[in-house]
Amino acid sequence: MQYAVLIYSDERLWTEASAEDRAAYHAAHTAFDEAVRSRAKMLGGEALVGVAAATTLRPGPGGARLVTDGPFAETAEQLGGFYLVDAPDLDTMVDLCDLLPHQYVLEVRPVADMSSAEDWLDAQP
């Protein structure tokens, strides 16, 4: 099954981190990457540019779309990056995610098969 791992943290965790802390975060991501490659399959992943560079598109009046600068909500934690992993099961994903820095909030979600509308509906809880 494919899982998306969404990584949330306060951007200041990185911007205010010491060189040693940044090295530790990098080492944790490297360990996660190596563990995934040995126990599952890494399909992708990237860090995201800071929330100040975000553009939000919302439904507007009459079916128009409203485009605004910045994130969709003011929050203490922002989406900072993601991984896409093909793992045997959720327990494996949770175990692998324990390698990532514990300062992060991690959201692990199965990726829905969108090959048909019925498949997507069947994947909903």
PDB file of N, CA and C in Angstrom:
ATOM      1  N   MET A   1       0.832  -1.171   0.000  1.00  0.00           N
ATOM      2  CA  MET A   1       0.000   0.000   0.000  1.00  0.00           C
ATOM      3  C   MET A   1       0.878   1.235   0.000  1.00  0.00           C
ATOM      4  N   GLN A   2       0.444   2.261  -0.696  1.00  0.00           N
ATOM      5  CA  GLN A   2       1.180   3.523  -0.709  1.00  0.00           C
ATOM      6  C   GLN A   2       0.691   4.422   0.420  1.00  0.00           C
ATOM      7  N   TYR A   3       1.646   5.088   1.074  1.00  0.00           N
ATOM      8  CA  TYR A   3       1.344   6.008   2.158  1.00  0.00           C
ATOM      9  C   TYR A   3       2.026   7.343   1.896  1.00  0.00           C
ATOM     10  N   ALA A   4       1.305   8.422   2.182  1.00  0.00           N
ATOM     11  CA  ALA A   4       1.894   9.754   2.195  1.00  0.00           C
ATOM     12  C   ALA A   4       2.215  10.080   3.645  1.00  0.00           C
ATOM     13  N   VAL A   5       3.414  10.534   3.887  1.00  0.00           N
ATOM     14  CA  VAL A   5       3.826  10.988   5.214  1.00  0.00           C
ATOM     15  C   VAL A   5       3.976  12.505   5.112  1.00  0.00           C
ATOM     16  N   LEU A   6       3.056  13.226   5.756  1.00  0.00           N
ATOM     17  CA  LEU A   6       3.078  14.683   5.735  1.00  0.00           C
ATOM     18  C   LEU A   6       3.778  15.167   6.991  1.00  0.00           C
ATOM     19  N   ILE A   7       4.720  16.057   6.826  1.00  0.00           N
ATOM     20  CA  ILE A   7       5.573  16.507   7.921  1.00  0.00           C
ATOM     21  C   ILE A   7       5.208  17.942   8.280  1.00  0.00           C
ATOM     22  N   TYR A   8       4.739  18.130   9.507  1.00  0.00           N
ATOM     23  CA  TYR A   8       4.366  19.457   9.998  1.00  0.00           C
ATOM     24  C   TYR A   8       5.311  19.858  11.117  1.00  0.00           C
ATOM     25  N   SER A   9       5.721  21.118  11.088  1.00  0.00           N
ATOM     26  CA  SER A   9       6.506  21.651  12.194  1.00  0.00           C
ATOM     27  C   SER A   9       6.450  23.170  12.127  1.00  0.00           C
ATOM     28  N   ASP A  10       6.868  23.792  13.200  1.00  0.00           N
ATOM     29  CA  ASP A  10       7.019  25.229  13.209  1.00  0.00           C
ATOM     30  C   ASP A  10       8.262  25.539  12.385  1.00  0.00           C
ATOM     31  N   GLU A  11       8.139  26.415  11.407  1.00  0.00           N
ATOM     32  CA  GLU A  11       9.282  26.709  10.533  1.00  0.00           C
ATOM     33  C   GLU A  11      10.497  27.192  11.312  1.00  0.00           C
ATOM     34  N   ARG A  12      10.266  27.769  12.476  1.00  0.00           N
ATOM     35  CA  ARG A  12      11.390  28.248  13.286  1.00  0.00           C
ATOM     36  C   ARG A  12      12.248  27.096  13.791  1.00  0.00           C
ATOM     37  N   LEU A  13      11.700  25.876  13.815  1.00  0.00           N
ATOM     38  CA  LEU A  13      12.489  24.714  14.216  1.00  0.00           C
ATOM     39  C   LEU A  13      13.751  24.625  13.358  1.00  0.00           C
ATOM     40  N   TRP A  14      13.630  24.936  12.078  1.00  0.00           N
ATOM     41  CA  TRP A  14      14.764  24.889  11.161  1.00  0.00           C
ATOM     42  C   TRP A  14      15.498  26.216  11.106  1.00  0.00           C
ATOM     43  N   THR A  15      14.753  27.316  10.957  1.00  0.00           N
ATOM     44  CA  THR A  15      15.411  28.610  10.750  1.00  0.00           C
ATOM     45  C   THR A  15      16.206  29.065  11.968  1.00  0.00           C
ATOM     46  N   GLU A  16      15.798  28.636  13.152  1.00  0.00           N
ATOM     47  CA  GLU A  16      16.510  29.024  14.366  1.00  0.00           C
ATOM     48  C   GLU A  16      17.412  27.917  14.906  1.00  0.00           C
ATOM     49  N   ALA A  17      17.505  26.816  14.173  1.00  0.00           N
ATOM     50  CA  ALA A  17      18.302  25.675  14.635  1.00  0.00           C
ATOM     51  C   ALA A  17      19.796  25.977  14.518  1.00  0.00           C
ATOM     52  N   SER A  18      20.542  25.416  15.443  1.00  0.00           N
ATOM     53  CA  SER A  18      21.999  25.511  15.375  1.00  0.00           C
ATOM     54  C   SER A  18      22.498  24.586  14.262  1.00  0.00           C
ATOM     55  N   ALA A  19      23.744  24.748  13.898  1.00  0.00           N
ATOM     56  CA  ALA A  19      24.347  23.871  12.885  1.00  0.00           C
ATOM     57  C   ALA A  19      24.289  22.412  13.336  1.00  0.00           C
ATOM     58  N   GLU A  20      24.495  22.179  14.631  1.00  0.00           N
ATOM     59  CA  GLU A  20      24.438  20.811  15.159  1.00  0.00           C
ATOM     60  C   GLU A  20      23.029  20.241  15.050  1.00  0.00           C
ATOM     61  N   ASP A  21      22.015  21.068  15.369  1.00  0.00           N
ATOM     62  CA  ASP A  21      20.628  20.601  15.261  1.00  0.00           C
ATOM     63  C   ASP A  21      20.256  20.314  13.814  1.00  0.00           C
ATOM     64  N   ARG A  22      20.681  21.180  12.901  1.00  0.00           N
ATOM     65  CA  ARG A  22      20.393  20.948  11.480  1.00  0.00           C
ATOM     66  C   ARG A  22      21.047  19.656  11.007  1.00  0.00           C
ATOM     67  N   ALA A  23      22.257  19.400  11.462  1.00  0.00           N
ATOM     68  CA  ALA A  23      22.944  18.154  11.101  1.00  0.00           C
ATOM     69  C   ALA A  23      22.183  16.953  11.658  1.00  0.00           C
ATOM     70  N   ALA A  24      21.652  17.079  12.865  1.00  0.00           N
ATOM     71  CA  ALA A  24      20.882  15.983  13.468  1.00  0.00           C
ATOM     72  C   ALA A  24      19.587  15.734  12.699  1.00  0.00           C
ATOM     73  N   TYR A  25      18.889  16.797  12.284  1.00  0.00           N
ATOM     74  CA  TYR A  25      17.666  16.623  11.483  1.00  0.00           C
ATOM     75  C   TYR A  25      17.997  15.936  10.165  1.00  0.00           C
ATOM     76  N   HIS A  26      19.085  16.389   9.524  1.00  0.00           N
ATOM     77  CA  HIS A  26      19.492  15.786   8.254  1.00  0.00           C
ATOM     78  C   HIS A  26      19.825  14.301   8.452  1.00  0.00           C
ATOM     79  N   ALA A  27      20.530  13.982   9.529  1.00  0.00           N
ATOM     80  CA  ALA A  27      20.890  12.583   9.810  1.00  0.00           C
ATOM     81  C   ALA A  27      19.633  11.740  10.038  1.00  0.00           C
ATOM     82  N   ALA A  28      18.631  12.301  10.704  1.00  0.00           N
ATOM     83  CA  ALA A  28      17.385  11.554  10.940  1.00  0.00           C
ATOM     84  C   ALA A  28      16.678  11.267   9.624  1.00  0.00           C
ATOM     85  N   HIS A  29      16.631  12.247   8.724  1.00  0.00           N
ATOM     86  CA  HIS A  29      15.999  12.018   7.424  1.00  0.00           C
ATOM     87  C   HIS A  29      16.786  11.000   6.606  1.00  0.00           C
ATOM     88  N   THR A  30      18.097  11.038   6.697  1.00  0.00           N
ATOM     89  CA  THR A  30      18.923  10.053   5.998  1.00  0.00           C
ATOM     90  C   THR A  30      18.663   8.653   6.549  1.00  0.00           C
ATOM     91  N   ALA A  31      18.559   8.522   7.861  1.00  0.00           N
ATOM     92  CA  ALA A  31      18.268   7.218   8.476  1.00  0.00           C
ATOM     93  C   ALA A  31      16.890   6.719   8.047  1.00  0.00           C
ATOM     94  N   PHE A  32      15.912   7.623   8.005  1.00  0.00           N
ATOM     95  CA  PHE A  32      14.567   7.250   7.542  1.00  0.00           C
ATOM     96  C   PHE A  32      14.637   6.745   6.105  1.00  0.00           C
ATOM     97  N   ASP A  33      15.316   7.491   5.243  1.00  0.00           N
ATOM     98  CA  ASP A  33      15.442   7.116   3.836  1.00  0.00           C
ATOM     99  C   ASP A  33      16.082   5.740   3.689  1.00  0.00           C
ATOM    100  N   GLU A  34      17.159   5.499   4.422  1.00  0.00           N
ATOM    101  CA  GLU A  34      17.840   4.202   4.349  1.00  0.00           C
ATOM    102  C   GLU A  34      16.956   3.078   4.868  1.00  0.00           C
ATOM    103  N   ALA A  35      16.227   3.325   5.955  1.00  0.00           N
ATOM    104  CA  ALA A  35      15.339   2.291   6.518  1.00  0.00           C
ATOM    105  C   ALA A  35      14.191   1.989   5.561  1.00  0.00           C
ATOM    106  N   VAL A  36      13.626   3.014   4.953  1.00  0.00           N
ATOM    107  CA  VAL A  36      12.548   2.785   3.984  1.00  0.00           C
ATOM    108  C   VAL A  36      13.072   1.945   2.827  1.00  0.00           C
ATOM    109  N   ARG A  37      14.248   2.274   2.329  1.00  0.00           N
ATOM    110  CA  ARG A  37      14.794   1.534   1.187  1.00  0.00           C
ATOM    111  C   ARG A  37      15.087   0.069   1.537  1.00  0.00           C
ATOM    112  N   SER A  38      15.299  -0.239   2.812  1.00  0.00           N
ATOM    113  CA  SER A  38      15.555  -1.627   3.192  1.00  0.00           C
ATOM    114  C   SER A  38      14.281  -2.383   3.554  1.00  0.00           C
ATOM    115  N   ARG A  39      13.213  -1.681   3.959  1.00  0.00           N
ATOM    116  CA  ARG A  39      11.996  -2.356   4.430  1.00  0.00           C
ATOM    117  C   ARG A  39      10.765  -2.076   3.595  1.00  0.00           C
ATOM    118  N   ALA A  40      10.848  -1.110   2.693  1.00  0.00           N
ATOM    119  CA  ALA A  40       9.709  -0.716   1.869  1.00  0.00           C
ATOM    120  C   ALA A  40      10.269  -0.139   0.572  1.00  0.00           C
ATOM    121  N   LYS A  41       9.519   0.751  -0.077  1.00  0.00           N
ATOM    122  CA  LYS A  41       9.992   1.355  -1.320  1.00  0.00           C
ATOM    123  C   LYS A  41       9.710   2.854  -1.275  1.00  0.00           C
ATOM    124  N   MET A  42      10.768   3.644  -1.404  1.00  0.00           N
ATOM    125  CA  MET A  42      10.629   5.098  -1.440  1.00  0.00           C
ATOM    126  C   MET A  42      10.156   5.494  -2.833  1.00  0.00           C
ATOM    127  N   LEU A  43       9.004   6.142  -2.906  1.00  0.00           N
ATOM    128  CA  LEU A  43       8.458   6.577  -4.184  1.00  0.00           C
ATOM    129  C   LEU A  43       8.733   8.053  -4.452  1.00  0.00           C
ATOM    130  N   GLY A  44       9.020   8.801  -3.408  1.00  0.00           N
ATOM    131  CA  GLY A  44       9.311  10.216  -3.592  1.00  0.00           C
ATOM    132  C   GLY A  44       9.259  10.960  -2.279  1.00  0.00           C
ATOM    133  N   GLY A  45       9.602  12.207  -2.335  1.00  0.00           N
ATOM    134  CA  GLY A  45       9.551  13.061  -1.164  1.00  0.00           C
ATOM    135  C   GLY A  45      10.343  14.320  -1.397  1.00  0.00           C
ATOM    136  N   GLU A  46       9.890  15.391  -0.803  1.00  0.00           N
ATOM    137  CA  GLU A  46      10.563  16.666  -0.968  1.00  0.00           C
ATOM    138  C   GLU A  46      10.299  17.543   0.240  1.00  0.00           C
ATOM    139  N   ALA A  47      11.214  18.449   0.494  1.00  0.00           N
ATOM    140  CA  ALA A  47      10.975  19.532   1.442  1.00  0.00           C
ATOM    141  C   ALA A  47      10.248  20.628   0.670  1.00  0.00           C
ATOM    142  N   LEU A  48       9.443  21.396   1.365  1.00  0.00           N
ATOM    143  CA  LEU A  48       8.709  22.482   0.740  1.00  0.00           C
ATOM    144  C   LEU A  48       9.324  23.823   1.137  1.00  0.00           C
ATOM    145  N   VAL A  49       9.252  24.777   0.246  1.00  0.00           N
ATOM    146  CA  VAL A  49       9.694  26.140   0.539  1.00  0.00           C
ATOM    147  C   VAL A  49       8.771  26.679   1.628  1.00  0.00           C
ATOM    148  N   GLY A  50       9.246  27.623   2.419  1.00  0.00           N
ATOM    149  CA  GLY A  50       8.489  28.167   3.539  1.00  0.00           C
ATOM    150  C   GLY A  50       7.099  28.653   3.180  1.00  0.00           C
ATOM    151  N   VAL A  51       6.256  28.692   4.185  1.00  0.00           N
ATOM    152  CA  VAL A  51       4.840  29.019   4.013  1.00  0.00           C
ATOM    153  C   VAL A  51       4.631  30.418   3.435  1.00  0.00           C
ATOM    154  N   ALA A  52       5.577  31.322   3.604  1.00  0.00           N
ATOM    155  CA  ALA A  52       5.449  32.668   3.041  1.00  0.00           C
ATOM    156  C   ALA A  52       5.380  32.631   1.514  1.00  0.00           C
ATOM    157  N   ALA A  53       5.866  31.564   0.898  1.00  0.00           N
ATOM    158  CA  ALA A  53       5.844  31.431  -0.557  1.00  0.00           C
ATOM    159  C   ALA A  53       4.586  30.721  -1.056  1.00  0.00           C
ATOM    160  N   ALA A  54       3.694  30.332  -0.157  1.00  0.00           N
ATOM    161  CA  ALA A  54       2.495  29.580  -0.540  1.00  0.00           C
ATOM    162  C   ALA A  54       1.471  30.465  -1.251  1.00  0.00           C
ATOM    163  N   THR A  55       0.708  29.861  -2.119  1.00  0.00           N
ATOM    164  CA  THR A  55      -0.456  30.475  -2.748  1.00  0.00           C
ATOM    165  C   THR A  55      -1.623  29.548  -2.479  1.00  0.00           C
ATOM    166  N   THR A  56      -2.733  30.106  -2.007  1.00  0.00           N
ATOM    167  CA  THR A  56      -3.910  29.303  -1.675  1.00  0.00           C
ATOM    168  C   THR A  56      -5.017  29.608  -2.670  1.00  0.00           C
ATOM    169  N   LEU A  57      -5.644  28.561  -3.181  1.00  0.00           N
ATOM    170  CA  LEU A  57      -6.774  28.704  -4.097  1.00  0.00           C
ATOM    171  C   LEU A  57      -8.012  28.177  -3.389  1.00  0.00           C
ATOM    172  N   ARG A  58      -9.035  29.023  -3.271  1.00  0.00           N
ATOM    173  CA  ARG A  58     -10.269  28.661  -2.572  1.00  0.00           C
ATOM    174  C   ARG A  58     -11.456  28.805  -3.518  1.00  0.00           C
ATOM    175  N   PRO A  59     -12.516  28.035  -3.238  1.00  0.00           N
ATOM    176  CA  PRO A  59     -13.738  28.261  -4.014  1.00  0.00           C
ATOM    177  C   PRO A  59     -14.273  29.669  -3.730  1.00  0.00           C
ATOM    178  N   GLY A  60     -14.695  30.340  -4.773  1.00  0.00           N
ATOM    179  CA  GLY A  60     -15.237  31.680  -4.610  1.00  0.00           C
ATOM    180  C   GLY A  60     -16.673  31.747  -5.096  1.00  0.00           C
ATOM    181  N   PRO A  61     -17.227  32.926  -5.102  1.00  0.00           N
ATOM    182  CA  PRO A  61     -18.619  33.094  -5.527  1.00  0.00           C
ATOM    183  C   PRO A  61     -18.809  32.730  -6.995  1.00  0.00           C
ATOM    184  N   GLY A  62     -19.934  32.115  -7.274  1.00  0.00           N
ATOM    185  CA  GLY A  62     -20.277  31.779  -8.655  1.00  0.00           C
ATOM    186  C   GLY A  62     -19.353  30.779  -9.305  1.00  0.00           C
ATOM    187  N   GLY A  63     -18.678  29.960  -8.525  1.00  0.00           N
ATOM    188  CA  GLY A  63     -17.788  28.953  -9.081  1.00  0.00           C
ATOM    189  C   GLY A  63     -16.408  29.481  -9.427  1.00  0.00           C
ATOM    190  N   ALA A  64     -16.181  30.766  -9.208  1.00  0.00           N
ATOM    191  CA  ALA A  64     -14.852  31.333  -9.453  1.00  0.00           C
ATOM    192  C   ALA A  64     -13.894  30.833  -8.379  1.00  0.00           C
ATOM    193  N   ARG A  65     -12.627  31.013  -8.623  1.00  0.00           N
ATOM    194  CA  ARG A  65     -11.614  30.614  -7.652  1.00  0.00           C
ATOM    195  C   ARG A  65     -10.932  31.867  -7.133  1.00  0.00           C
ATOM    196  N   LEU A  66     -10.798  31.946  -5.804  1.00  0.00           N
ATOM    197  CA  LEU A  66     -10.093  33.043  -5.172  1.00  0.00           C
ATOM    198  C   LEU A  66      -8.647  32.623  -4.952  1.00  0.00           C
ATOM    199  N   VAL A  67      -7.716  33.454  -5.370  1.00  0.00           N
ATOM    200  CA  VAL A  67      -6.289  33.170  -5.229  1.00  0.00           C
ATOM    201  C   VAL A  67      -5.717  34.167  -4.226  1.00  0.00           C
ATOM    202  N   THR A  68      -5.102  33.642  -3.158  1.00  0.00           N
ATOM    203  CA  THR A  68      -4.512  34.502  -2.141  1.00  0.00           C
ATOM    204  C   THR A  68      -3.090  34.050  -1.851  1.00  0.00           C
ATOM    205  N   ASP A  69      -2.275  34.991  -1.414  1.00  0.00           N
ATOM    206  CA  ASP A  69      -0.920  34.662  -0.995  1.00  0.00           C
ATOM    207  C   ASP A  69      -0.962  34.082   0.397  1.00  0.00           C
ATOM    208  N   GLY A  70      -0.045  33.163   0.668  1.00  0.00           N
ATOM    209  CA  GLY A  70       0.093  32.639   2.018  1.00  0.00           C
ATOM    210  C   GLY A  70      -0.687  31.369   2.257  1.00  0.00           C
ATOM    211  N   PRO A  71      -0.580  30.875   3.474  1.00  0.00           N
ATOM    212  CA  PRO A  71      -1.221  29.596   3.823  1.00  0.00           C
ATOM    213  C   PRO A  71      -2.721  29.761   3.997  1.00  0.00           C
ATOM    214  N   PHE A  72      -3.405  28.622   4.085  1.00  0.00           N
ATOM    215  CA  PHE A  72      -4.856  28.629   4.225  1.00  0.00           C
ATOM    216  C   PHE A  72      -5.298  29.005   5.626  1.00  0.00           C
ATOM    217  N   ALA A  73      -4.427  28.913   6.599  1.00  0.00           N
ATOM    218  CA  ALA A  73      -4.804  29.218   7.981  1.00  0.00           C
ATOM    219  C   ALA A  73      -3.555  29.636   8.754  1.00  0.00           C
ATOM    220  N   GLU A  74      -3.765  30.437   9.748  1.00  0.00           N
ATOM    221  CA  GLU A  74      -2.676  30.796  10.657  1.00  0.00           C
ATOM    222  C   GLU A  74      -2.534  29.676  11.678  1.00  0.00           C
ATOM    223  N   THR A  75      -1.424  28.991  11.654  1.00  0.00           N
ATOM    224  CA  THR A  75      -1.189  27.891  12.581  1.00  0.00           C
ATOM    225  C   THR A  75       0.246  27.951  13.078  1.00  0.00           C
ATOM    226  N   ALA A  76       0.486  27.285  14.174  1.00  0.00           N
ATOM    227  CA  ALA A  76       1.848  27.224  14.710  1.00  0.00           C
ATOM    228  C   ALA A  76       2.703  26.261  13.894  1.00  0.00           C
ATOM    229  N   GLU A  77       2.065  25.281  13.267  1.00  0.00           N
ATOM    230  CA  GLU A  77       2.801  24.278  12.502  1.00  0.00           C
ATOM    231  C   GLU A  77       2.401  24.377  11.038  1.00  0.00           C
ATOM    232  N   GLN A  78       3.397  24.249  10.174  1.00  0.00           N
ATOM    233  CA  GLN A  78       3.156  24.319   8.746  1.00  0.00           C
ATOM    234  C   GLN A  78       3.609  23.019   8.090  1.00  0.00           C
ATOM    235  N   LEU A  79       2.995  22.726   6.949  1.00  0.00           N
ATOM    236  CA  LEU A  79       3.426  21.580   6.162  1.00  0.00           C
ATOM    237  C   LEU A  79       4.790  21.910   5.590  1.00  0.00           C
ATOM    238  N   GLY A  80       5.788  21.138   5.975  1.00  0.00           N
ATOM    239  CA  GLY A  80       7.152  21.429   5.572  1.00  0.00           C
ATOM    240  C   GLY A  80       7.711  20.481   4.540  1.00  0.00           C
ATOM    241  N   GLY A  81       7.061  19.349   4.353  1.00  0.00           N
ATOM    242  CA  GLY A  81       7.555  18.388   3.387  1.00  0.00           C
ATOM    243  C   GLY A  81       6.726  17.124   3.426  1.00  0.00           C
ATOM    244  N   PHE A  82       7.109  16.177   2.597  1.00  0.00           N
ATOM    245  CA  PHE A  82       6.361  14.920   2.517  1.00  0.00           C
ATOM    246  C   PHE A  82       7.249  13.807   1.987  1.00  0.00           C
ATOM    247  N   TYR A  83       6.822  12.607   2.258  1.00  0.00           N
ATOM    248  CA  TYR A  83       7.387  11.406   1.642  1.00  0.00           C
ATOM    249  C   TYR A  83       6.237  10.605   1.058  1.00  0.00           C
ATOM    250  N   LEU A  84       6.500   9.879   0.008  1.00  0.00           N
ATOM    251  CA  LEU A  84       5.553   8.931  -0.557  1.00  0.00           C
ATOM    252  C   LEU A  84       6.248   7.578  -0.540  1.00  0.00           C
ATOM    253  N   VAL A  85       5.663   6.632   0.206  1.00  0.00           N
ATOM    254  CA  VAL A  85       6.307   5.346   0.467  1.00  0.00           C
ATOM    255  C   VAL A  85       5.339   4.211   0.163  1.00  0.00           C
ATOM    256  N   ASP A  86       5.833   3.166  -0.468  1.00  0.00           N
ATOM    257  CA  ASP A  86       5.069   1.934  -0.656  1.00  0.00           C
ATOM    258  C   ASP A  86       5.543   0.966   0.420  1.00  0.00           C
ATOM    259  N   ALA A  87       4.700   0.735   1.414  1.00  0.00           N
ATOM    260  CA  ALA A  87       5.064  -0.116   2.557  1.00  0.00           C
ATOM    261  C   ALA A  87       4.042  -1.243   2.695  1.00  0.00           C
ATOM    262  N   PRO A  88       4.449  -2.339   3.345  1.00  0.00           N
ATOM    263  CA  PRO A  88       3.537  -3.478   3.460  1.00  0.00           C
ATOM    264  C   PRO A  88       2.289  -3.182   4.289  1.00  0.00           C
ATOM    265  N   ASP A  89       2.415  -2.296   5.293  1.00  0.00           N
ATOM    266  CA  ASP A  89       1.262  -2.025   6.149  1.00  0.00           C
ATOM    267  C   ASP A  89       1.517  -0.780   6.997  1.00  0.00           C
ATOM    268  N   LEU A  90       0.463  -0.326   7.671  1.00  0.00           N
ATOM    269  CA  LEU A  90       0.553   0.882   8.483  1.00  0.00           C
ATOM    270  C   LEU A  90       1.526   0.715   9.644  1.00  0.00           C
ATOM    271  N   ASP A  91       1.567  -0.460  10.252  1.00  0.00           N
ATOM    272  CA  ASP A  91       2.498  -0.682  11.370  1.00  0.00           C
ATOM    273  C   ASP A  91       3.946  -0.454  10.930  1.00  0.00           C
ATOM    274  N   THR A  92       4.286  -0.907   9.731  1.00  0.00           N
ATOM    275  CA  THR A  92       5.636  -0.686   9.210  1.00  0.00           C
ATOM    276  C   THR A  92       5.894   0.802   9.034  1.00  0.00           C
ATOM    277  N   MET A  93       4.899   1.525   8.493  1.00  0.00           N
ATOM    278  CA  MET A  93       5.071   2.972   8.281  1.00  0.00           C
ATOM    279  C   MET A  93       5.269   3.693   9.611  1.00  0.00           C
ATOM    280  N   VAL A  94       4.481   3.348  10.607  1.00  0.00           N
ATOM    281  CA  VAL A  94       4.605   4.003  11.917  1.00  0.00           C
ATOM    282  C   VAL A  94       5.981   3.726  12.504  1.00  0.00           C
ATOM    283  N   ASP A  95       6.445   2.504  12.364  1.00  0.00           N
ATOM    284  CA  ASP A  95       7.776   2.140  12.867  1.00  0.00           C
ATOM    285  C   ASP A  95       8.864   2.931  12.142  1.00  0.00           C
ATOM    286  N   LEU A  96       8.757   3.043  10.834  1.00  0.00           N
ATOM    287  CA  LEU A  96       9.741   3.803  10.062  1.00  0.00           C
ATOM    288  C   LEU A  96       9.718   5.282  10.444  1.00  0.00           C
ATOM    289  N   CYS A  97       8.541   5.827  10.638  1.00  0.00           N
ATOM    290  CA  CYS A  97       8.412   7.254  10.965  1.00  0.00           C
ATOM    291  C   CYS A  97       9.033   7.595  12.316  1.00  0.00           C
ATOM    292  N   ASP A  98       9.206   6.598  13.162  1.00  0.00           N
ATOM    293  CA  ASP A  98       9.839   6.859  14.459  1.00  0.00           C
ATOM    294  C   ASP A  98      11.287   7.320  14.290  1.00  0.00           C
ATOM    295  N   LEU A  99      11.858   7.106  13.108  1.00  0.00           N
ATOM    296  CA  LEU A  99      13.225   7.552  12.836  1.00  0.00           C
ATOM    297  C   LEU A  99      13.314   9.054  12.567  1.00  0.00           C
ATOM    298  N   LEU A 100      12.194   9.670  12.184  1.00  0.00           N
ATOM    299  CA  LEU A 100      12.190  11.101  11.891  1.00  0.00           C
ATOM    300  C   LEU A 100      12.209  11.896  13.193  1.00  0.00           C
ATOM    301  N   PRO A 101      12.666  13.145  13.154  1.00  0.00           N
ATOM    302  CA  PRO A 101      12.737  13.934  14.385  1.00  0.00           C
ATOM    303  C   PRO A 101      11.404  13.980  15.125  1.00  0.00           C
ATOM    304  N   HIS A 102      11.450  13.770  16.408  1.00  0.00           N
ATOM    305  CA  HIS A 102      10.234  13.720  17.214  1.00  0.00           C
ATOM    306  C   HIS A 102       9.623  15.093  17.441  1.00  0.00           C
ATOM    307  N   GLN A 103      10.284  16.155  16.986  1.00  0.00           N
ATOM    308  CA  GLN A 103       9.714  17.498  17.068  1.00  0.00           C
ATOM    309  C   GLN A 103       8.642  17.703  16.008  1.00  0.00           C
ATOM    310  N   TYR A 104       8.595  16.850  14.998  1.00  0.00           N
ATOM    311  CA  TYR A 104       7.626  16.968  13.909  1.00  0.00           C
ATOM    312  C   TYR A 104       6.295  16.366  14.323  1.00  0.00           C
ATOM    313  N   VAL A 105       5.242  16.915  13.758  1.00  0.00           N
ATOM    314  CA  VAL A 105       3.939  16.252  13.767  1.00  0.00           C
ATOM    315  C   VAL A 105       3.864  15.539  12.422  1.00  0.00           C
ATOM    316  N   LEU A 106       3.621  14.253  12.451  1.00  0.00           N
ATOM    317  CA  LEU A 106       3.569  13.464  11.222  1.00  0.00           C
ATOM    318  C   LEU A 106       2.155  12.968  10.993  1.00  0.00           C
ATOM    319  N   GLU A 107       1.681  13.124   9.784  1.00  0.00           N
ATOM    320  CA  GLU A 107       0.389  12.585   9.393  1.00  0.00           C
ATOM    321  C   GLU A 107       0.655  11.523   8.338  1.00  0.00           C
ATOM    322  N   VAL A 108       0.249  10.293   8.619  1.00  0.00           N
ATOM    323  CA  VAL A 108       0.448   9.176   7.695  1.00  0.00           C
ATOM    324  C   VAL A 108      -0.921   8.813   7.138  1.00  0.00           C
ATOM    325  N   ARG A 109      -1.040   8.885   5.816  1.00  0.00           N
ATOM    326  CA  ARG A 109      -2.333   8.601   5.185  1.00  0.00           C
ATOM    327  C   ARG A 109      -2.157   7.671   4.005  1.00  0.00           C
ATOM    328  N   PRO A 110      -3.031   6.660   3.900  1.00  0.00           N
ATOM    329  CA  PRO A 110      -3.002   5.817   2.705  1.00  0.00           C
ATOM    330  C   PRO A 110      -3.320   6.663   1.476  1.00  0.00           C
ATOM    331  N   VAL A 111      -2.697   6.321   0.369  1.00  0.00           N
ATOM    332  CA  VAL A 111      -2.962   6.987  -0.898  1.00  0.00           C
ATOM    333  C   VAL A 111      -4.077   6.220  -1.591  1.00  0.00           C
ATOM    334  N   ALA A 112      -5.131   6.934  -1.974  1.00  0.00           N
ATOM    335  CA  ALA A 112      -6.279   6.299  -2.630  1.00  0.00           C
ATOM    336  C   ALA A 112      -5.932   5.961  -4.077  1.00  0.00           C
ATOM    337  N   ASP A 113      -6.416   4.829  -4.528  1.00  0.00           N
ATOM    338  CA  ASP A 113      -6.296   4.444  -5.932  1.00  0.00           C
ATOM    339  C   ASP A 113      -7.354   5.228  -6.701  1.00  0.00           C
ATOM    340  N   MET A 114      -6.920   6.115  -7.561  1.00  0.00           N
ATOM    341  CA  MET A 114      -7.864   6.970  -8.281  1.00  0.00           C
ATOM    342  C   MET A 114      -8.139   6.476  -9.701  1.00  0.00           C
ATOM    343  N   SER A 115      -7.921   5.184  -9.944  1.00  0.00           N
ATOM    344  CA  SER A 115      -8.133   4.680 -11.299  1.00  0.00           C
ATOM    345  C   SER A 115      -9.610   4.686 -11.672  1.00  0.00           C
ATOM    346  N   SER A 116     -10.490   4.711 -10.672  1.00  0.00           N
ATOM    347  CA  SER A 116     -11.916   4.864 -10.954  1.00  0.00           C
ATOM    348  C   SER A 116     -12.587   5.517  -9.752  1.00  0.00           C
ATOM    349  N   ALA A 117     -13.725   6.133  -9.983  1.00  0.00           N
ATOM    350  CA  ALA A 117     -14.465   6.781  -8.889  1.00  0.00           C
ATOM    351  C   ALA A 117     -14.866   5.751  -7.843  1.00  0.00           C
ATOM    352  N   GLU A 118     -15.203   4.550  -8.275  1.00  0.00           N
ATOM    353  CA  GLU A 118     -15.612   3.514  -7.332  1.00  0.00           C
ATOM    354  C   GLU A 118     -14.455   3.127  -6.412  1.00  0.00           C
ATOM    355  N   ASP A 119     -13.247   3.038  -6.970  1.00  0.00           N
ATOM    356  CA  ASP A 119     -12.072   2.715  -6.156  1.00  0.00           C
ATOM    357  C   ASP A 119     -11.849   3.779  -5.091  1.00  0.00           C
ATOM    358  N   TRP A 120     -11.997   5.053  -5.483  1.00  0.00           N
ATOM    359  CA  TRP A 120     -11.810   6.138  -4.533  1.00  0.00           C
ATOM    360  C   TRP A 120     -12.870   6.068  -3.440  1.00  0.00           C
ATOM    361  N   LEU A 121     -14.110   5.842  -3.805  1.00  0.00           N
ATOM    362  CA  LEU A 121     -15.186   5.760  -2.811  1.00  0.00           C
ATOM    363  C   LEU A 121     -14.964   4.574  -1.867  1.00  0.00           C
ATOM    364  N   ASP A 122     -14.480   3.479  -2.402  1.00  0.00           N
ATOM    365  CA  ASP A 122     -14.219   2.291  -1.575  1.00  0.00           C
ATOM    366  C   ASP A 122     -13.094   2.554  -0.575  1.00  0.00           C
ATOM    367  N   ALA A 123     -12.188   3.453  -0.878  1.00  0.00           N
ATOM    368  CA  ALA A 123     -11.054   3.733   0.008  1.00  0.00           C
ATOM    369  C   ALA A 123     -11.415   4.646   1.175  1.00  0.00           C
ATOM    370  N   GLN A 124     -12.577   5.281   1.123  1.00  0.00           N
ATOM    371  CA  GLN A 124     -12.957   6.224   2.175  1.00  0.00           C
ATOM    372  C   GLN A 124     -13.376   5.474   3.440  1.00  0.00           C
ATOM    373  N   PRO A 125     -13.003   6.006   4.600  1.00  0.00           N
ATOM    374  CA  PRO A 125     -13.354   5.322   5.865  1.00  0.00           C
ATOM    375  C   PRO A 125     -14.846   5.391   6.148  1.00  0.00           C
TER     376      PRO A 125
END
